Amino acid sequence: MANIKSAKKRIKVAEIRNARNKSIRSKVKTAVKKVDAAIHSQDKETAKVSLLSAISEIDKARIKGVYHKNNAARKVSRLSKAVNRITG
């Protein structure tokens, strides 16, 4: 355990940020899973609706600094590509 006051504060702040980032990443993963489930069931309408909410969650995570902008763009691109491949 740290002895210096500023080091103790950094530990607390790091724990708080870690919890926040974990929560945000979890929301993104859940949104992506919903899109994947719709793609797997070949339901284009549900996939499109799920895609919009997933893109929103990914963008929120990017703005908050949880994901790098290129990482977020790659995730959005791959999801969009997968939804567009659905026939039906």
C-alpha atoms as a PDB file:
ATOM      1  CA  MET A   1       0.000   0.000   0.000  1.00  0.00           C
ATOM      2  CA  ALA A   2       1.202   3.478  -0.821  1.00  0.00           C
ATOM      3  CA  ASN A   3       2.321   5.816   1.955  1.00  0.00           C
ATOM      4  CA  ILE A   4       2.253   9.101   0.071  1.00  0.00           C
ATOM      5  CA  LYS A   5      -1.059  10.951   0.029  1.00  0.00           C
ATOM      6  CA  SER A   6      -1.005  11.661  -3.725  1.00  0.00           C
ATOM      7  CA  ALA A   7      -0.207   8.015  -4.485  1.00  0.00           C
ATOM      8  CA  LYS A   8      -3.180   6.904  -2.368  1.00  0.00           C
ATOM      9  CA  LYS A   9      -5.404   9.287  -4.304  1.00  0.00           C
ATOM     10  CA  ARG A  10      -4.103   7.971  -7.655  1.00  0.00           C
ATOM     11  CA  ILE A  11      -4.968   4.435  -6.559  1.00  0.00           C
ATOM     12  CA  LYS A  12      -8.537   5.487  -5.680  1.00  0.00           C
ATOM     13  CA  VAL A  13      -8.964   7.424  -8.925  1.00  0.00           C
ATOM     14  CA  ALA A  14      -7.604   4.488 -10.954  1.00  0.00           C
ATOM     15  CA  GLU A  15     -10.105   2.121  -9.312  1.00  0.00           C
ATOM     16  CA  ILE A  16     -13.000   4.482 -10.028  1.00  0.00           C
ATOM     17  CA  ARG A  17     -11.961   4.913 -13.671  1.00  0.00           C
ATOM     18  CA  ASN A  18     -11.417   1.190 -14.051  1.00  0.00           C
ATOM     19  CA  ALA A  19     -14.962   0.474 -12.836  1.00  0.00           C
ATOM     20  CA  ARG A  20     -16.405   3.144 -15.153  1.00  0.00           C
ATOM     21  CA  ASN A  21     -14.518   1.850 -18.182  1.00  0.00           C
ATOM     22  CA  LYS A  22     -15.502  -1.737 -17.410  1.00  0.00           C
ATOM     23  CA  SER A  23     -19.180  -0.744 -17.273  1.00  0.00           C
ATOM     24  CA  ILE A  24     -18.965   1.111 -20.586  1.00  0.00           C
ATOM     25  CA  ARG A  25     -17.143  -1.794 -22.290  1.00  0.00           C
ATOM     26  CA  SER A  26     -19.800  -4.158 -20.991  1.00  0.00           C
ATOM     27  CA  LYS A  27     -22.581  -2.031 -22.526  1.00  0.00           C
ATOM     28  CA  VAL A  28     -20.796  -2.060 -25.877  1.00  0.00           C
ATOM     29  CA  LYS A  29     -20.316  -5.830 -25.774  1.00  0.00           C
ATOM     30  CA  THR A  30     -23.996  -6.373 -24.959  1.00  0.00           C
ATOM     31  CA  ALA A  31     -25.073  -4.144 -27.853  1.00  0.00           C
ATOM     32  CA  VAL A  32     -22.745  -5.987 -30.246  1.00  0.00           C
ATOM     33  CA  LYS A  33     -24.079  -9.351 -29.072  1.00  0.00           C
ATOM     34  CA  LYS A  34     -27.634  -8.204 -29.847  1.00  0.00           C
ATOM     35  CA  VAL A  35     -26.587  -7.289 -33.382  1.00  0.00           C
ATOM     36  CA  ASP A  36     -24.798 -10.625 -33.793  1.00  0.00           C
ATOM     37  CA  ALA A  37     -27.873 -12.512 -32.596  1.00  0.00           C
ATOM     38  CA  ALA A  38     -30.073 -10.675 -35.125  1.00  0.00           C
ATOM     39  CA  ILE A  39     -27.549 -11.392 -37.887  1.00  0.00           C
ATOM     40  CA  HIS A  40     -27.415 -15.060 -36.930  1.00  0.00           C
ATOM     41  CA  SER A  41     -31.225 -15.316 -37.099  1.00  0.00           C
ATOM     42  CA  GLN A  42     -31.193 -13.484 -40.483  1.00  0.00           C
ATOM     43  CA  ASP A  43     -33.612 -10.820 -39.161  1.00  0.00           C
ATOM     44  CA  LYS A  44     -32.617  -7.728 -41.129  1.00  0.00           C
ATOM     45  CA  GLU A  45     -35.022  -5.257 -39.457  1.00  0.00           C
ATOM     46  CA  THR A  46     -34.009  -6.209 -35.929  1.00  0.00           C
ATOM     47  CA  ALA A  47     -30.369  -6.152 -36.988  1.00  0.00           C
ATOM     48  CA  LYS A  48     -30.702  -2.610 -38.336  1.00  0.00           C
ATOM     49  CA  VAL A  49     -32.356  -1.361 -35.142  1.00  0.00           C
ATOM     50  CA  SER A  50     -29.770  -3.144 -32.992  1.00  0.00           C
ATOM     51  CA  LEU A  51     -26.994  -1.746 -35.174  1.00  0.00           C
ATOM     52  CA  LEU A  52     -28.103   1.831 -34.515  1.00  0.00           C
ATOM     53  CA  SER A  53     -28.073   1.324 -30.752  1.00  0.00           C
ATOM     54  CA  ALA A  54     -24.707  -0.473 -30.950  1.00  0.00           C
ATOM     55  CA  ILE A  55     -23.186   2.370 -32.971  1.00  0.00           C
ATOM     56  CA  SER A  56     -24.515   4.810 -30.386  1.00  0.00           C
ATOM     57  CA  GLU A  57     -22.918   2.869 -27.513  1.00  0.00           C
ATOM     58  CA  ILE A  58     -19.613   2.553 -29.381  1.00  0.00           C
ATOM     59  CA  ASP A  59     -19.558   6.293 -30.105  1.00  0.00           C
ATOM     60  CA  LYS A  60     -20.301   7.104 -26.464  1.00  0.00           C
ATOM     61  CA  ALA A  61     -17.411   4.873 -25.423  1.00  0.00           C
ATOM     62  CA  ARG A  62     -15.134   6.588 -27.961  1.00  0.00           C
ATOM     63  CA  ILE A  63     -16.096  10.067 -26.748  1.00  0.00           C
ATOM     64  CA  LYS A  64     -15.402   9.048 -23.137  1.00  0.00           C
ATOM     65  CA  GLY A  65     -11.989   7.731 -24.127  1.00  0.00           C
ATOM     66  CA  VAL A  66     -12.656   4.074 -23.452  1.00  0.00           C
ATOM     67  CA  TYR A  67     -11.952   3.141 -27.094  1.00  0.00           C
ATOM     68  CA  HIS A  68      -9.507   4.737 -29.510  1.00  0.00           C
ATOM     69  CA  LYS A  69     -11.239   6.360 -32.494  1.00  0.00           C
ATOM     70  CA  ASN A  70      -9.814   3.820 -34.958  1.00  0.00           C
ATOM     71  CA  ASN A  71     -10.904   0.924 -32.763  1.00  0.00           C
ATOM     72  CA  ALA A  72     -14.437   2.340 -32.579  1.00  0.00           C
ATOM     73  CA  ALA A  73     -14.501   2.934 -36.345  1.00  0.00           C
ATOM     74  CA  ARG A  74     -13.359  -0.640 -36.976  1.00  0.00           C
ATOM     75  CA  LYS A  75     -16.084  -2.058 -34.733  1.00  0.00           C
ATOM     76  CA  VAL A  76     -18.779   0.040 -36.433  1.00  0.00           C
ATOM     77  CA  SER A  77     -17.480  -0.887 -39.881  1.00  0.00           C
ATOM     78  CA  ARG A  78     -17.461  -4.622 -39.182  1.00  0.00           C
ATOM     79  CA  LEU A  79     -20.952  -4.577 -37.674  1.00  0.00           C
ATOM     80  CA  SER A  80     -22.355  -2.519 -40.571  1.00  0.00           C
ATOM     81  CA  LYS A  81     -20.735  -4.808 -43.106  1.00  0.00           C
ATOM     82  CA  ALA A  82     -22.216  -7.877 -41.401  1.00  0.00           C
ATOM     83  CA  VAL A  83     -25.718  -6.357 -41.296  1.00  0.00           C
ATOM     84  CA  ASN A  84     -25.507  -5.371 -44.955  1.00  0.00           C
ATOM     85  CA  ARG A  85     -24.616  -8.953 -45.892  1.00  0.00           C
ATOM     86  CA  ILE A  86     -27.964 -10.254 -44.599  1.00  0.00           C
ATOM     87  CA  THR A  87     -30.268 -11.326 -47.412  1.00  0.00           C
ATOM     88  CA  GLY A  88     -33.948 -11.293 -46.799  1.00  0.00           C
END
